[in-house]
Amino acid sequence: GFQNPFYLKKAQQLEPKLYDGNVIKNTYAITIPDSKEILMLAEESRLKMLLKK
């Protein structure tokens, strides 16, 4: 979120459709199931991040 309301208003003016609930609700996005390769890459990335700690 925005800590300063001025920046929220500015963002809403620049891209109003991103903050309009009716537009968001009525937009039908096509969902694409994750492939095994993508899931494996995500798991590999997660493990690398855990090892960095």
N, C-alpha and C. Protein backbone atom coordinates (compact mmCIF):
# COMPACT_ATOMS: atom_id res chain seq x y z
N GLY A 1 0.81 -1.18 0.00
CA GLY A 1 0.00 0.00 0.00
C GLY A 1 0.86 1.25 0.00
N PHE A 2 0.20 2.34 -0.07
CA PHE A 2 0.86 3.64 -0.08
C PHE A 2 0.78 4.26 1.30
N GLN A 3 1.92 4.64 1.86
CA GLN A 3 1.93 5.28 3.17
C GLN A 3 1.41 6.71 3.06
N ASN A 4 1.68 7.36 1.95
CA ASN A 4 1.24 8.73 1.74
C ASN A 4 0.05 8.71 0.78
N PRO A 5 -1.14 9.16 1.22
CA PRO A 5 -2.33 9.12 0.37
C PRO A 5 -2.17 9.88 -0.95
N PHE A 6 -1.28 10.87 -0.97
CA PHE A 6 -1.04 11.63 -2.20
C PHE A 6 -0.58 10.71 -3.33
N TYR A 7 0.32 9.78 -3.00
CA TYR A 7 0.86 8.88 -4.02
C TYR A 7 -0.20 7.90 -4.51
N LEU A 8 -1.10 7.48 -3.63
CA LEU A 8 -2.20 6.61 -4.04
C LEU A 8 -3.09 7.34 -5.04
N LYS A 9 -3.46 8.57 -4.73
CA LYS A 9 -4.31 9.36 -5.63
C LYS A 9 -3.62 9.56 -6.98
N LYS A 10 -2.32 9.82 -6.94
CA LYS A 10 -1.55 10.02 -8.18
C LYS A 10 -1.56 8.74 -9.02
N ALA A 11 -1.34 7.60 -8.36
CA ALA A 11 -1.34 6.31 -9.07
C ALA A 11 -2.72 6.02 -9.65
N GLN A 12 -3.77 6.34 -8.89
CA GLN A 12 -5.13 6.12 -9.38
C GLN A 12 -5.44 7.00 -10.59
N GLN A 13 -4.91 8.19 -10.61
CA GLN A 13 -5.13 9.08 -11.75
C GLN A 13 -4.39 8.58 -12.99
N LEU A 14 -3.19 8.03 -12.80
CA LEU A 14 -2.40 7.56 -13.93
C LEU A 14 -2.96 6.27 -14.53
N GLU A 15 -3.39 5.34 -13.69
CA GLU A 15 -3.92 4.05 -14.14
C GLU A 15 -5.21 3.73 -13.40
N PRO A 16 -6.31 4.40 -13.71
CA PRO A 16 -7.55 4.20 -12.96
C PRO A 16 -8.10 2.78 -13.04
N LYS A 17 -7.87 2.09 -14.17
CA LYS A 17 -8.44 0.75 -14.30
C LYS A 17 -7.81 -0.25 -13.32
N LEU A 18 -6.60 0.04 -12.84
CA LEU A 18 -5.96 -0.86 -11.88
C LEU A 18 -6.60 -0.78 -10.50
N TYR A 19 -7.33 0.31 -10.24
CA TYR A 19 -7.90 0.53 -8.92
C TYR A 19 -9.43 0.49 -8.95
N ASP A 20 -10.02 0.14 -10.09
CA ASP A 20 -11.48 0.09 -10.23
C ASP A 20 -11.94 -1.35 -10.02
N GLY A 21 -12.64 -1.59 -8.92
CA GLY A 21 -13.09 -2.94 -8.59
C GLY A 21 -13.98 -3.55 -9.65
N ASN A 22 -14.83 -2.75 -10.29
CA ASN A 22 -15.72 -3.29 -11.33
C ASN A 22 -14.93 -3.77 -12.54
N VAL A 23 -13.90 -3.05 -12.91
CA VAL A 23 -13.07 -3.47 -14.04
C VAL A 23 -12.32 -4.74 -13.68
N ILE A 24 -11.78 -4.79 -12.47
CA ILE A 24 -11.03 -5.97 -12.03
C ILE A 24 -11.94 -7.19 -11.98
N LYS A 25 -13.15 -7.01 -11.42
CA LYS A 25 -14.09 -8.11 -11.27
C LYS A 25 -14.55 -8.63 -12.63
N ASN A 26 -14.76 -7.75 -13.60
CA ASN A 26 -15.31 -8.15 -14.89
C ASN A 26 -14.26 -8.54 -15.92
N THR A 27 -13.00 -8.49 -15.56
CA THR A 27 -11.94 -8.90 -16.47
C THR A 27 -11.72 -10.40 -16.32
N TYR A 28 -11.85 -11.08 -17.41
CA TYR A 28 -11.70 -12.53 -17.37
C TYR A 28 -10.30 -12.89 -17.86
N ALA A 29 -9.47 -13.29 -16.95
CA ALA A 29 -8.10 -13.67 -17.30
C ALA A 29 -8.04 -15.16 -17.59
N ILE A 30 -7.26 -15.51 -18.57
CA ILE A 30 -7.08 -16.92 -18.89
C ILE A 30 -6.03 -17.48 -17.95
N THR A 31 -6.38 -18.52 -17.25
CA THR A 31 -5.40 -19.13 -16.35
C THR A 31 -4.67 -20.24 -17.10
N ILE A 32 -3.38 -20.27 -16.91
CA ILE A 32 -2.55 -21.28 -17.55
C ILE A 32 -1.93 -22.12 -16.44
N PRO A 33 -2.23 -23.41 -16.43
CA PRO A 33 -1.67 -24.25 -15.37
C PRO A 33 -0.14 -24.32 -15.48
N ASP A 34 0.49 -24.40 -14.33
CA ASP A 34 1.95 -24.49 -14.31
C ASP A 34 2.40 -25.83 -14.87
N SER A 35 3.42 -25.77 -15.70
CA SER A 35 3.99 -27.00 -16.23
C SER A 35 4.95 -27.58 -15.20
N LYS A 36 5.30 -28.83 -15.38
CA LYS A 36 6.24 -29.48 -14.45
C LYS A 36 7.57 -28.74 -14.43
N GLU A 37 8.00 -28.26 -15.61
CA GLU A 37 9.28 -27.55 -15.69
C GLU A 37 9.24 -26.27 -14.84
N ILE A 38 8.16 -25.51 -14.94
CA ILE A 38 8.05 -24.27 -14.16
C ILE A 38 8.03 -24.58 -12.67
N LEU A 39 7.31 -25.62 -12.29
CA LEU A 39 7.26 -25.99 -10.87
C LEU A 39 8.63 -26.43 -10.37
N MET A 40 9.38 -27.15 -11.20
CA MET A 40 10.72 -27.58 -10.80
C MET A 40 11.65 -26.39 -10.65
N LEU A 41 11.56 -25.43 -11.58
CA LEU A 41 12.40 -24.23 -11.50
C LEU A 41 12.06 -23.41 -10.26
N ALA A 42 10.79 -23.32 -9.94
CA ALA A 42 10.37 -22.58 -8.75
C ALA A 42 10.91 -23.24 -7.49
N GLU A 43 10.84 -24.56 -7.43
CA GLU A 43 11.35 -25.28 -6.27
C GLU A 43 12.86 -25.11 -6.15
N GLU A 44 13.56 -25.18 -7.28
CA GLU A 44 15.02 -24.99 -7.28
C GLU A 44 15.37 -23.59 -6.78
N SER A 45 14.64 -22.60 -7.23
CA SER A 45 14.88 -21.22 -6.80
C SER A 45 14.62 -21.07 -5.31
N ARG A 46 13.54 -21.69 -4.84
CA ARG A 46 13.21 -21.62 -3.41
C ARG A 46 14.31 -22.25 -2.56
N LEU A 47 14.83 -23.39 -3.02
CA LEU A 47 15.90 -24.06 -2.28
C LEU A 47 17.17 -23.22 -2.25
N LYS A 48 17.49 -22.56 -3.36
CA LYS A 48 18.67 -21.69 -3.40
C LYS A 48 18.53 -20.55 -2.40
N MET A 49 17.32 -19.98 -2.31
CA MET A 49 17.09 -18.89 -1.37
C MET A 49 17.25 -19.37 0.07
N LEU A 50 16.78 -20.58 0.35
CA LEU A 50 16.91 -21.13 1.70
C LEU A 50 18.37 -21.37 2.06
N LEU A 51 19.16 -21.80 1.08
CA LEU A 51 20.58 -22.07 1.33
C LEU A 51 21.37 -20.78 1.56
N LYS A 52 20.91 -19.66 1.00
CA LYS A 52 21.59 -18.38 1.17
C LYS A 52 21.52 -17.88 2.61
N LYS A 53 20.48 -18.25 3.33
CA LYS A 53 20.28 -17.75 4.70
C LYS A 53 21.31 -18.22 5.66
